[in-house]
C-alpha atoms as a PDB file:
ATOM      1  CA  MET A   1       0.000   0.000   0.000  1.00  0.00           C
ATOM      2  CA  ILE A   2       2.931   2.360   0.626  1.00  0.00           C
ATOM      3  CA  PHE A   3       4.153   1.652  -2.897  1.00  0.00           C
ATOM      4  CA  ASP A   4       0.642   2.103  -4.307  1.00  0.00           C
ATOM      5  CA  PHE A   5       0.336   5.478  -2.559  1.00  0.00           C
ATOM      6  CA  ALA A   6       3.820   6.547  -3.697  1.00  0.00           C
ATOM      7  CA  ASN A   7       3.008   5.531  -7.265  1.00  0.00           C
ATOM      8  CA  GLY A   8      -0.179   7.597  -7.256  1.00  0.00           C
ATOM      9  CA  PHE A   9       1.669  10.489  -5.589  1.00  0.00           C
ATOM     10  CA  ASN A  10       4.397  10.576  -8.241  1.00  0.00           C
ATOM     11  CA  ASP A  11       2.067   9.772 -11.124  1.00  0.00           C
ATOM     12  CA  ALA A  12      -0.433  12.519 -10.295  1.00  0.00           C
ATOM     13  CA  ALA A  13       1.600  14.481 -12.841  1.00  0.00           C
ATOM     14  CA  ASN A  14       0.718  11.959 -15.557  1.00  0.00           C
ATOM     15  CA  ALA A  15      -2.959  12.788 -15.297  1.00  0.00           C
ATOM     16  CA  ILE A  16      -3.009  16.507 -14.516  1.00  0.00           C
ATOM     17  CA  ALA A  17       0.305  18.166 -15.462  1.00  0.00           C
ATOM     18  CA  THR A  18      -0.779  19.342 -18.895  1.00  0.00           C
ATOM     19  CA  VAL A  19      -4.303  20.422 -17.944  1.00  0.00           C
ATOM     20  CA  VAL A  20      -2.951  22.456 -14.991  1.00  0.00           C
ATOM     21  CA  SER A  21      -0.058  24.016 -16.920  1.00  0.00           C
ATOM     22  CA  THR A  22      -2.420  25.184 -19.689  1.00  0.00           C
ATOM     23  CA  ARG A  23      -4.760  26.618 -17.000  1.00  0.00           C
ATOM     24  CA  VAL A  24      -7.757  24.716 -18.347  1.00  0.00           C
ATOM     25  CA  LEU A  25      -8.508  23.401 -14.832  1.00  0.00           C
ATOM     26  CA  ARG A  26      -7.622  24.725 -11.401  1.00  0.00           C
ATOM     27  CA  PRO A  27      -5.212  22.404  -9.513  1.00  0.00           C
ATOM     28  CA  ILE A  28      -7.751  21.305  -6.884  1.00  0.00           C
ATOM     29  CA  THR A  29     -10.368  20.528  -9.563  1.00  0.00           C
ATOM     30  CA  ALA A  30      -7.791  18.615 -11.588  1.00  0.00           C
ATOM     31  CA  VAL A  31      -6.656  16.402  -8.710  1.00  0.00           C
ATOM     32  CA  LEU A  32     -10.219  15.634  -7.660  1.00  0.00           C
ATOM     33  CA  MET A  33     -11.049  14.617 -11.221  1.00  0.00           C
ATOM     34  CA  ALA A  34      -7.864  12.563 -11.540  1.00  0.00           C
ATOM     35  CA  ALA A  35      -8.341  10.757  -8.211  1.00  0.00           C
ATOM     36  CA  THR A  36     -11.941   9.841  -9.025  1.00  0.00           C
ATOM     37  CA  LEU A  37     -11.128   8.538 -12.498  1.00  0.00           C
ATOM     38  CA  ASN A  38      -7.998   6.743 -11.255  1.00  0.00           C
ATOM     39  CA  PHE A  39     -10.287   4.749  -8.975  1.00  0.00           C
ATOM     40  CA  ALA A  40     -12.785   4.086 -11.778  1.00  0.00           C
ATOM     41  CA  GLY A  41      -9.991   2.925 -14.082  1.00  0.00           C
ATOM     42  CA  ALA A  42      -8.653   0.579 -11.416  1.00  0.00           C
ATOM     43  CA  LEU A  43     -11.992  -1.267 -11.419  1.00  0.00           C
ATOM     44  CA  SER A  44     -12.053  -1.712 -15.189  1.00  0.00           C
ATOM     45  CA  GLY A  45     -10.149  -5.007 -15.499  1.00  0.00           C
ATOM     46  CA  THR A  46      -7.380  -7.302 -14.243  1.00  0.00           C
ATOM     47  CA  ALA A  47      -5.461  -8.326 -17.384  1.00  0.00           C
ATOM     48  CA  VAL A  48      -2.372  -6.280 -16.440  1.00  0.00           C
ATOM     49  CA  ALA A  49      -2.542  -7.417 -12.806  1.00  0.00           C
ATOM     50  CA  LYS A  50      -2.436 -11.071 -13.817  1.00  0.00           C
ATOM     51  CA  VAL A  51       0.576 -10.518 -16.084  1.00  0.00           C
ATOM     52  CA  VAL A  52       2.520  -8.663 -13.360  1.00  0.00           C
ATOM     53  CA  GLY A  53       1.528 -11.043 -10.557  1.00  0.00           C
ATOM     54  CA  SER A  54       2.199 -14.278 -12.388  1.00  0.00           C
ATOM     55  CA  GLY A  55       4.702 -13.289 -15.078  1.00  0.00           C
ATOM     56  CA  VAL A  56       7.789 -12.013 -13.222  1.00  0.00           C
ATOM     57  CA  VAL A  57       8.756 -14.692 -10.689  1.00  0.00           C
ATOM     58  CA  ALA A  58       7.367 -18.140  -9.856  1.00  0.00           C
ATOM     59  CA  SER A  59       5.206 -17.830  -6.736  1.00  0.00           C
ATOM     60  CA  ASP A  60       6.180 -21.298  -5.469  1.00  0.00           C
ATOM     61  CA  ALA A  61       9.912 -20.453  -5.644  1.00  0.00           C
ATOM     62  CA  ILE A  62       9.866 -17.322  -3.473  1.00  0.00           C
ATOM     63  CA  ASN A  63       8.525 -16.275  -0.066  1.00  0.00           C
ATOM     64  CA  LEU A  64       6.826 -13.256   1.456  1.00  0.00           C
ATOM     65  CA  THR A  65      10.195 -11.714   2.329  1.00  0.00           C
ATOM     66  CA  THR A  66      10.924 -11.641  -1.413  1.00  0.00           C
ATOM     67  CA  VAL A  67       7.749  -9.701  -2.110  1.00  0.00           C
ATOM     68  CA  ALA A  68       8.335  -7.325   0.817  1.00  0.00           C
ATOM     69  CA  ALA A  69      11.904  -6.555  -0.271  1.00  0.00           C
ATOM     70  CA  GLY A  70      10.935  -5.973  -3.902  1.00  0.00           C
ATOM     71  CA  VAL A  71       8.040  -3.656  -3.148  1.00  0.00           C
ATOM     72  CA  SER A  72       9.985  -1.755  -0.459  1.00  0.00           C
ATOM     73  CA  ALA A  73      12.805  -1.029  -2.892  1.00  0.00           C
ATOM     74  CA  ALA A  74      10.318   0.206  -5.502  1.00  0.00           C
ATOM     75  CA  ALA A  75       8.521   2.446  -2.991  1.00  0.00           C
ATOM     76  CA  ALA A  76      11.810   3.934  -1.764  1.00  0.00           C
ATOM     77  CA  TRP A  77      12.902   4.807  -5.302  1.00  0.00           C
ATOM     78  CA  VAL A  78       9.563   6.351  -6.288  1.00  0.00           C
ATOM     79  CA  LEU A  79       9.433   8.470  -3.112  1.00  0.00           C
ATOM     80  CA  LEU A  80      13.031   9.638  -3.635  1.00  0.00           C
ATOM     81  CA  ALA A  81      12.319  10.547  -7.259  1.00  0.00           C
ATOM     82  CA  THR A  82       9.205  12.473  -6.231  1.00  0.00           C
ATOM     83  CA  ARG A  83      11.266  14.427  -3.717  1.00  0.00           C
ATOM     84  CA  LEU A  84      13.708  15.310  -6.513  1.00  0.00           C
ATOM     85  CA  GLY A  85      10.914  16.233  -8.947  1.00  0.00           C
ATOM     86  CA  LEU A  86      11.695  13.382 -11.347  1.00  0.00           C
ATOM     87  CA  PRO A  87       8.807  11.550 -13.057  1.00  0.00           C
ATOM     88  CA  VAL A  88      10.095   7.965 -12.854  1.00  0.00           C
ATOM     89  CA  SER A  89       8.348   4.733 -13.735  1.00  0.00           C
ATOM     90  CA  GLY A  90       6.569   2.931 -10.917  1.00  0.00           C
ATOM     91  CA  SER A  91       6.236  -0.019 -13.314  1.00  0.00           C
ATOM     92  CA  HIS A  92       9.979  -0.290 -13.893  1.00  0.00           C
ATOM     93  CA  SER A  93      10.596   0.155 -10.168  1.00  0.00           C
ATOM     94  CA  LEU A  94       8.173  -2.574  -9.146  1.00  0.00           C
ATOM     95  CA  ILE A  95       9.181  -5.141 -11.750  1.00  0.00           C
ATOM     96  CA  ALA A  96      12.907  -4.536 -11.186  1.00  0.00           C
ATOM     97  CA  GLY A  97      12.425  -4.783  -7.415  1.00  0.00           C
ATOM     98  CA  ILE A  98      10.504  -8.055  -7.558  1.00  0.00           C
ATOM     99  CA  ALA A  99      12.952  -9.526 -10.087  1.00  0.00           C
ATOM    100  CA  GLY A 100      15.994  -8.474  -8.036  1.00  0.00           C
ATOM    101  CA  ALA A 101      14.567  -9.864  -4.801  1.00  0.00           C
ATOM    102  CA  GLY A 102      13.542 -13.036  -6.632  1.00  0.00           C
ATOM    103  CA  VAL A 103      17.071 -13.639  -7.939  1.00  0.00           C
ATOM    104  CA  ALA A 104      18.432 -13.041  -4.416  1.00  0.00           C
ATOM    105  CA  THR A 105      15.968 -15.656  -3.125  1.00  0.00           C
ATOM    106  CA  GLY A 106      16.436 -18.512  -5.553  1.00  0.00           C
ATOM    107  CA  GLY A 107      18.744 -17.485  -8.378  1.00  0.00           C
ATOM    108  CA  PHE A 108      17.840 -16.654 -11.955  1.00  0.00           C
ATOM    109  CA  ASP A 109      15.735 -19.820 -12.300  1.00  0.00           C
ATOM    110  CA  VAL A 110      12.856 -18.150 -10.417  1.00  0.00           C
ATOM    111  CA  LEU A 111      12.387 -15.613 -13.221  1.00  0.00           C
ATOM    112  CA  ILE A 112       9.627 -16.345 -15.750  1.00  0.00           C
ATOM    113  CA  THR A 113      11.228 -15.566 -19.097  1.00  0.00           C
ATOM    114  CA  SER A 114       8.048 -15.501 -21.189  1.00  0.00           C
ATOM    115  CA  GLY A 115       6.258 -13.130 -18.831  1.00  0.00           C
ATOM    116  CA  LEU A 116       9.252 -10.835 -18.444  1.00  0.00           C
ATOM    117  CA  SER A 117       9.685 -10.693 -22.223  1.00  0.00           C
ATOM    118  CA  LYS A 118       6.101  -9.462 -22.656  1.00  0.00           C
ATOM    119  CA  ILE A 119       6.479  -6.926 -19.849  1.00  0.00           C
ATOM    120  CA  LEU A 120       9.818  -5.589 -21.090  1.00  0.00           C
ATOM    121  CA  LEU A 121       8.550  -5.400 -24.682  1.00  0.00           C
ATOM    122  CA  GLY A 122       5.693  -3.150 -23.588  1.00  0.00           C
ATOM    123  CA  LEU A 123       7.944  -1.004 -21.418  1.00  0.00           C
ATOM    124  CA  ALA A 124      10.516  -0.602 -24.208  1.00  0.00           C
ATOM    125  CA  LEU A 125       8.156   0.154 -27.107  1.00  0.00           C
ATOM    126  CA  ALA A 126       5.739   2.449 -25.276  1.00  0.00           C
ATOM    127  CA  PRO A 127       8.004   5.567 -25.224  1.00  0.00           C
ATOM    128  CA  LEU A 128       8.761   5.209 -28.933  1.00  0.00           C
ATOM    129  CA  ILE A 129       5.110   4.795 -29.864  1.00  0.00           C
ATOM    130  CA  GLY A 130       4.192   7.673 -27.539  1.00  0.00           C
ATOM    131  CA  LEU A 131       6.796   9.967 -29.127  1.00  0.00           C
ATOM    132  CA  ALA A 132       5.514   9.167 -32.620  1.00  0.00           C
ATOM    133  CA  GLY A 133       1.866   9.386 -31.558  1.00  0.00           C
ATOM    134  CA  GLY A 134       2.250  12.828 -29.963  1.00  0.00           C
ATOM    135  CA  TYR A 135       4.154  14.125 -32.982  1.00  0.00           C
ATOM    136  CA  ILE A 136       1.691  12.785 -35.583  1.00  0.00           C
ATOM    137  CA  LEU A 137      -1.440  13.902 -33.726  1.00  0.00           C
ATOM    138  CA  MET A 138      -0.051  17.404 -33.186  1.00  0.00           C
ATOM    139  CA  LEU A 139       0.854  17.683 -36.877  1.00  0.00           C
ATOM    140  CA  ALA A 140      -2.658  16.595 -37.809  1.00  0.00           C
ATOM    141  CA  LEU A 141      -4.178  19.226 -35.517  1.00  0.00           C
ATOM    142  CA  TYR A 142      -1.899  21.955 -36.925  1.00  0.00           C
ATOM    143  CA  TRP A 143      -2.960  21.013 -40.453  1.00  0.00           C
ATOM    144  CA  GLY A 144      -6.663  20.684 -39.603  1.00  0.00           C
ATOM    145  CA  PHE A 145      -6.852  24.063 -37.847  1.00  0.00           C
ATOM    146  CA  ARG A 146      -4.248  25.899 -39.911  1.00  0.00           C
ATOM    147  CA  ARG A 147      -6.741  28.593 -41.004  1.00  0.00           C
ATOM    148  CA  ALA A 148      -8.549  28.915 -37.660  1.00  0.00           C
ATOM    149  CA  ASN A 149      -8.275  31.920 -35.386  1.00  0.00           C
ATOM    150  CA  PRO A 150      -5.885  31.198 -32.455  1.00  0.00           C
ATOM    151  CA  ALA A 151      -8.493  32.323 -29.916  1.00  0.00           C
ATOM    152  CA  THR A 152     -11.044  29.942 -31.452  1.00  0.00           C
ATOM    153  CA  VAL A 153      -8.557  27.063 -31.319  1.00  0.00           C
ATOM    154  CA  SER A 154      -7.784  27.774 -27.661  1.00  0.00           C
ATOM    155  CA  GLY A 155     -11.495  27.870 -26.847  1.00  0.00           C
ATOM    156  CA  ILE A 156     -12.231  24.566 -28.590  1.00  0.00           C
ATOM    157  CA  PHE A 157      -9.294  22.697 -27.136  1.00  0.00           C
ATOM    158  CA  GLY A 158      -9.744  24.209 -23.694  1.00  0.00           C
ATOM    159  CA  ARG A 159     -12.983  22.209 -23.533  1.00  0.00           C
ATOM    160  CA  LEU A 160     -11.580  19.166 -25.310  1.00  0.00           C
ATOM    161  CA  GLN A 161      -8.602  19.038 -22.964  1.00  0.00           C
ATOM    162  CA  MET A 162     -10.925  18.409 -20.035  1.00  0.00           C
ATOM    163  CA  VAL A 163     -12.047  15.266 -21.884  1.00  0.00           C
ATOM    164  CA  SER A 164      -8.496  14.185 -22.731  1.00  0.00           C
ATOM    165  CA  ALA A 165      -7.335  14.788 -19.137  1.00  0.00           C
ATOM    166  CA  ALA A 166     -10.211  12.658 -17.869  1.00  0.00           C
ATOM    167  CA  ALA A 167      -9.276   9.902 -20.337  1.00  0.00           C
ATOM    168  CA  MET A 168      -5.643  10.091 -19.221  1.00  0.00           C
ATOM    169  CA  ALA A 169      -6.606   9.771 -15.545  1.00  0.00           C
ATOM    170  CA  TYR A 170      -8.882   6.809 -16.274  1.00  0.00           C
ATOM    171  CA  SER A 171      -6.274   4.998 -18.381  1.00  0.00           C
ATOM    172  CA  HIS A 172      -3.635   5.632 -15.707  1.00  0.00           C
ATOM    173  CA  GLY A 173      -5.809   3.882 -13.142  1.00  0.00           C
ATOM    174  CA  SER A 174      -6.599   1.024 -15.519  1.00  0.00           C
ATOM    175  CA  ASN A 175      -2.900   0.226 -16.014  1.00  0.00           C
ATOM    176  CA  ASP A 176      -0.917   1.403 -12.992  1.00  0.00           C
ATOM    177  CA  ALA A 177      -3.277   0.404 -10.180  1.00  0.00           C
ATOM    178  CA  GLN A 178      -3.364  -3.101 -11.600  1.00  0.00           C
ATOM    179  CA  LYS A 179       0.360  -3.534 -11.002  1.00  0.00           C
ATOM    180  CA  THR A 180      -0.115  -3.224  -7.250  1.00  0.00           C
ATOM    181  CA  MET A 181      -3.065  -5.618  -7.452  1.00  0.00           C
ATOM    182  CA  GLY A 182      -0.823  -8.129  -9.200  1.00  0.00           C
ATOM    183  CA  ILE A 183       1.877  -7.929  -6.527  1.00  0.00           C
ATOM    184  CA  ILE A 184      -0.643  -8.328  -3.667  1.00  0.00           C
ATOM    185  CA  ALA A 185      -2.067 -11.348  -5.475  1.00  0.00           C
ATOM    186  CA  LEU A 186       1.499 -12.678  -5.854  1.00  0.00           C
ATOM    187  CA  ALA A 187       1.923 -12.408  -2.072  1.00  0.00           C
ATOM    188  CA  LEU A 188      -1.361 -14.279  -1.565  1.00  0.00           C
ATOM    189  CA  ALA A 189      -0.354 -16.956  -4.073  1.00  0.00           C
ATOM    190  CA  THR A 190       2.979 -17.371  -2.264  1.00  0.00           C
ATOM    191  CA  HIS A 191       1.488 -17.495   1.246  1.00  0.00           C
ATOM    192  CA  TYR A 192      -1.385 -19.858   0.401  1.00  0.00           C
ATOM    193  CA  ASN A 193       0.629 -21.823  -2.175  1.00  0.00           C
ATOM    194  CA  TRP A 194      -1.937 -21.505  -4.948  1.00  0.00           C
ATOM    195  CA  ALA A 195       0.319 -23.384  -7.393  1.00  0.00           C
ATOM    196  CA  GLN A 196       0.394 -26.603  -5.346  1.00  0.00           C
ATOM    197  CA  ALA A 197      -3.214 -26.263  -4.209  1.00  0.00           C
ATOM    198  CA  GLY A 198      -4.384 -26.044  -7.820  1.00  0.00           C
ATOM    199  CA  THR A 199      -5.906 -22.593  -7.268  1.00  0.00           C
ATOM    200  CA  PRO A 200      -5.803 -20.490 -10.456  1.00  0.00           C
ATOM    201  CA  PHE A 201      -4.071 -17.135 -10.193  1.00  0.00           C
ATOM    202  CA  HIS A 202      -6.773 -14.496  -9.662  1.00  0.00           C
ATOM    203  CA  ILE A 203      -7.287 -11.010  -8.254  1.00  0.00           C
ATOM    204  CA  PRO A 204      -9.738 -10.929  -5.283  1.00  0.00           C
ATOM    205  CA  LEU A 205     -12.305  -8.127  -5.264  1.00  0.00           C
ATOM    206  CA  TRP A 206     -10.990  -6.657  -1.997  1.00  0.00           C
ATOM    207  CA  VAL A 207      -7.534  -6.313  -3.582  1.00  0.00           C
ATOM    208  CA  ILE A 208      -9.029  -4.399  -6.530  1.00  0.00           C
ATOM    209  CA  LEU A 209     -10.964  -2.025  -4.272  1.00  0.00           C
ATOM    210  CA  LEU A 210      -8.062  -1.451  -1.868  1.00  0.00           C
ATOM    211  CA  SER A 211      -5.493  -0.799  -4.617  1.00  0.00           C
ATOM    212  CA  GLY A 212      -7.794   1.597  -6.447  1.00  0.00           C
ATOM    213  CA  THR A 213      -8.610   3.542  -3.278  1.00  0.00           C
ATOM    214  CA  VAL A 214      -5.002   3.968  -2.146  1.00  0.00           C
ATOM    215  CA  MET A 215      -3.774   5.022  -5.590  1.00  0.00           C
ATOM    216  CA  ALA A 216      -6.616   7.549  -5.821  1.00  0.00           C
ATOM    217  CA  LEU A 217      -5.584   8.977  -2.448  1.00  0.00           C
ATOM    218  CA  GLY A 218      -1.953   9.253  -3.568  1.00  0.00           C
ATOM    219  CA  THR A 219      -3.074  11.024  -6.745  1.00  0.00           C
ATOM    220  CA  TYR A 220      -5.215  13.450  -4.763  1.00  0.00           C
ATOM    221  CA  LEU A 221      -2.223  14.409  -2.582  1.00  0.00           C
ATOM    222  CA  GLY A 222       0.103  14.286  -5.607  1.00  0.00           C
ATOM    223  CA  GLY A 223       3.645  15.585  -5.931  1.00  0.00           C
ATOM    224  CA  TRP A 224       3.479  19.120  -7.322  1.00  0.00           C
ATOM    225  CA  THR A 225       7.220  19.253  -8.061  1.00  0.00           C
ATOM    226  CA  VAL A 226       6.734  16.451 -10.603  1.00  0.00           C
ATOM    227  CA  VAL A 227       3.665  18.206 -12.029  1.00  0.00           C
ATOM    228  CA  ARG A 228       5.830  21.281 -12.662  1.00  0.00           C
ATOM    229  CA  THR A 229       8.534  19.195 -14.363  1.00  0.00           C
ATOM    230  CA  LEU A 230       6.119  17.559 -16.795  1.00  0.00           C
ATOM    231  CA  GLY A 231       3.781  20.481 -17.316  1.00  0.00           C
ATOM    232  CA  VAL A 232       6.141  23.451 -17.511  1.00  0.00           C
ATOM    233  CA  ARG A 233       9.835  22.627 -17.532  1.00  0.00           C
ATOM    234  CA  ILE A 234       9.944  20.327 -20.588  1.00  0.00           C
ATOM    235  CA  VAL A 235       8.005  22.482 -23.044  1.00  0.00           C
ATOM    236  CA  GLN A 236       5.515  25.351 -22.870  1.00  0.00           C
ATOM    237  CA  MET A 237       2.010  24.181 -23.811  1.00  0.00           C
ATOM    238  CA  ARG A 238      -1.310  25.643 -24.870  1.00  0.00           C
ATOM    239  CA  PRO A 239      -4.623  23.715 -24.655  1.00  0.00           C
ATOM    240  CA  VAL A 240      -4.198  22.223 -28.145  1.00  0.00           C
ATOM    241  CA  ASN A 241      -0.754  20.905 -27.182  1.00  0.00           C
ATOM    242  CA  GLY A 242      -2.023  19.465 -23.925  1.00  0.00           C
ATOM    243  CA  PHE A 243      -4.901  17.774 -25.754  1.00  0.00           C
ATOM    244  CA  ALA A 244      -2.536  16.169 -28.276  1.00  0.00           C
ATOM    245  CA  ALA A 245      -0.231  14.825 -25.569  1.00  0.00           C
ATOM    246  CA  GLU A 246      -3.041  13.481 -23.383  1.00  0.00           C
ATOM    247  CA  ALA A 247      -5.140  12.023 -26.198  1.00  0.00           C
ATOM    248  CA  ALA A 248      -2.176  10.170 -27.688  1.00  0.00           C
ATOM    249  CA  ALA A 249      -1.055   8.880 -24.285  1.00  0.00           C
ATOM    250  CA  ALA A 250      -4.520   7.822 -23.115  1.00  0.00           C
ATOM    251  CA  SER A 251      -5.182   5.916 -26.350  1.00  0.00           C
ATOM    252  CA  LEU A 252      -1.932   3.987 -26.080  1.00  0.00           C
ATOM    253  CA  ILE A 253      -2.279   3.191 -22.358  1.00  0.00           C
ATOM    254  CA  GLU A 254      -5.912   2.083 -22.575  1.00  0.00           C
ATOM    255  CA  SER A 255      -5.154  -0.183 -25.557  1.00  0.00           C
ATOM    256  CA  ALA A 256      -2.272  -1.765 -23.631  1.00  0.00           C
ATOM    257  CA  SER A 257      -4.469  -2.288 -20.544  1.00  0.00           C
ATOM    258  CA  ARG A 258      -7.064  -4.205 -22.562  1.00  0.00           C
ATOM    259  CA  LEU A 259      -4.307  -6.383 -24.101  1.00  0.00           C
ATOM    260  CA  GLY A 260      -2.629  -7.047 -20.741  1.00  0.00           C
ATOM    261  CA  PHE A 261       0.570  -5.073 -21.401  1.00  0.00           C
ATOM    262  CA  PRO A 262       1.855  -3.237 -18.308  1.00  0.00           C
ATOM    263  CA  LEU A 263       3.238   0.098 -19.501  1.00  0.00           C
ATOM    264  CA  SER A 264       5.001   2.929 -17.780  1.00  0.00           C
ATOM    265  CA  THR A 265       2.361   5.650 -17.894  1.00  0.00           C
ATOM    266  CA  THR A 266       5.090   8.116 -16.923  1.00  0.00           C
ATOM    267  CA  HIS A 267       7.166   7.179 -19.952  1.00  0.00           C
ATOM    268  CA  VAL A 268       4.148   7.386 -22.243  1.00  0.00           C
ATOM    269  CA  ILE A 269       2.906  10.847 -21.234  1.00  0.00           C
ATOM    270  CA  THR A 270       6.455  12.246 -21.132  1.00  0.00           C
ATOM    271  CA  SER A 271       7.083  10.868 -24.625  1.00  0.00           C
ATOM    272  CA  THR A 272       3.864  12.303 -26.055  1.00  0.00           C
ATOM    273  CA  ILE A 273       4.697  15.693 -24.519  1.00  0.00           C
ATOM    274  CA  LEU A 274       8.123  15.550 -26.171  1.00  0.00           C
ATOM    275  CA  GLY A 275       6.569  14.384 -29.452  1.00  0.00           C
ATOM    276  CA  GLN A 276       4.008  17.170 -29.716  1.00  0.00           C
ATOM    277  CA  GLY A 277       6.598  19.753 -28.598  1.00  0.00           C
ATOM    278  CA  SER A 278       8.978  18.677 -31.363  1.00  0.00           C
ATOM    279  CA  THR A 279       6.494  19.681 -34.063  1.00  0.00           C
ATOM    280  CA  ARG A 280       7.208  23.379 -33.489  1.00  0.00           C
ATOM    281  CA  ARG A 281      10.980  23.154 -33.534  1.00  0.00           C
ATOM    282  CA  LEU A 282      13.484  20.978 -31.713  1.00  0.00           C
ATOM    283  CA  SER A 283      14.679  23.943 -29.655  1.00  0.00           C
ATOM    284  CA  ALA A 284      11.151  24.367 -28.229  1.00  0.00           C
ATOM    285  CA  VAL A 285      11.828  21.326 -26.046  1.00  0.00           C
ATOM    286  CA  ARG A 286      14.147  21.721 -23.072  1.00  0.00           C
ATOM    287  CA  TRP A 287      16.231  18.662 -23.878  1.00  0.00           C
ATOM    288  CA  GLY A 288      18.411  19.163 -20.803  1.00  0.00           C
ATOM    289  CA  VAL A 289      15.395  18.536 -18.556  1.00  0.00           C
ATOM    290  CA  ALA A 290      14.364  15.607 -20.733  1.00  0.00           C
ATOM    291  CA  ARG A 291      17.888  14.167 -20.494  1.00  0.00           C
ATOM    292  CA  GLY A 292      17.723  14.227 -16.692  1.00  0.00           C
ATOM    293  CA  ILE A 293      14.421  12.356 -16.808  1.00  0.00           C
ATOM    294  CA  VAL A 294      15.854   9.713 -19.160  1.00  0.00           C
ATOM    295  CA  ILE A 295      18.876   9.209 -16.879  1.00  0.00           C
ATOM    296  CA  ALA A 296      16.480   8.577 -13.978  1.00  0.00           C
ATOM    297  CA  TRP A 297      14.652   6.024 -16.134  1.00  0.00           C
ATOM    298  CA  VAL A 298      17.895   4.217 -16.981  1.00  0.00           C
ATOM    299  CA  LEU A 299      18.959   4.103 -13.320  1.00  0.00           C
ATOM    300  CA  THR A 300      15.606   2.696 -12.172  1.00  0.00           C
ATOM    301  CA  PHE A 301      16.206  -0.935 -13.143  1.00  0.00           C
ATOM    302  CA  PRO A 302      19.673  -1.479 -11.648  1.00  0.00           C
ATOM    303  CA  PHE A 303      18.967   0.664  -8.566  1.00  0.00           C
ATOM    304  CA  CYS A 304      15.702  -1.080  -7.663  1.00  0.00           C
ATOM    305  CA  ALA A 305      16.983  -4.571  -8.466  1.00  0.00           C
ATOM    306  CA  LEU A 306      20.147  -4.181  -6.383  1.00  0.00           C
ATOM    307  CA  LEU A 307      18.347  -2.432  -3.529  1.00  0.00           C
ATOM    308  CA  ALA A 308      15.701  -5.165  -3.444  1.00  0.00           C
ATOM    309  CA  ALA A 309      18.360  -7.895  -3.426  1.00  0.00           C
ATOM    310  CA  GLY A 310      20.160  -6.163  -0.556  1.00  0.00           C
ATOM    311  CA  LEU A 311      16.924  -5.672   1.386  1.00  0.00           C
ATOM    312  CA  PHE A 312      16.049  -9.338   0.953  1.00  0.00           C
ATOM    313  CA  LYS A 313      19.409 -10.442   2.361  1.00  0.00           C
ATOM    314  CA  LEU A 314      18.993  -8.013   5.262  1.00  0.00           C
ATOM    315  CA  LEU A 315      15.411  -9.046   6.044  1.00  0.00           C
ATOM    316  CA  ASP A 316      16.307 -12.716   5.694  1.00  0.00           C
ATOM    317  CA  LEU A 317      18.759 -12.368   8.562  1.00  0.00           C
ATOM    318  CA  PHE A 318      16.039 -11.261  10.968  1.00  0.00           C
ATOM    319  CA  LEU A 319      12.916 -13.089   9.757  1.00  0.00           C
END
């Protein structure tokens, strides 16, 4: 639950950064909307949860200390990144933490190669697709409204951005909240030995409701430093730009959720922001800020995996 809260806290920026920076919604209105739709999205399915819970490590080859170490490492990294104003991936953090703790528990044999391949494929391709999607959609909007009055365009997309922000918040809940559900279900499968008992891997209703509620709370109290990084420091945006970034990101994330691909919603929205910003000119994007974000992304996997492995060894001495 600490990880789930931290993920919502950091990822509040995913849902509201653009709509706040373009002044379409007041901050308090935006976070209320995002928290409500995060919760609604969390109730929309369990395909991603099942992939995360049963596709990283074998539940019968680990123990609860493994799960605790992996999730603790992920939570620590996300909270640190939030403090520094860096929008990092809770998905990368969680998967790297569980994998690192799993290897520390039983070696590399505990890793499920097929599941990890699907997860890593989604995590790797999402930023590229998001970059292209933001760029193409923004170009299409420029072409479609090329003769329109700027004030008219701002008025139209000021209203449309409320819709795209709502879609982004919903899709964020449908993908990210499910990752916590999957890890709680992994802990249950480990404790009750579902594999040997012949119990199919599933996500109990109370897990769905609890994960959705805690993530919504984290979003409501979200990290404003990260909101500023995504919404202002990367590239200046007007309502039409915010709409393009959110619409492209929400479409990609929601499609992945229905197909059971766990994505980094942070990577997706950051990529679509960069993509739409690049349509004006490359210098319109503050690439120095973007470079710092990418470095944080690259560090996430080794940091969380090693921290989780160390935490497992430490906890194992006392438990």
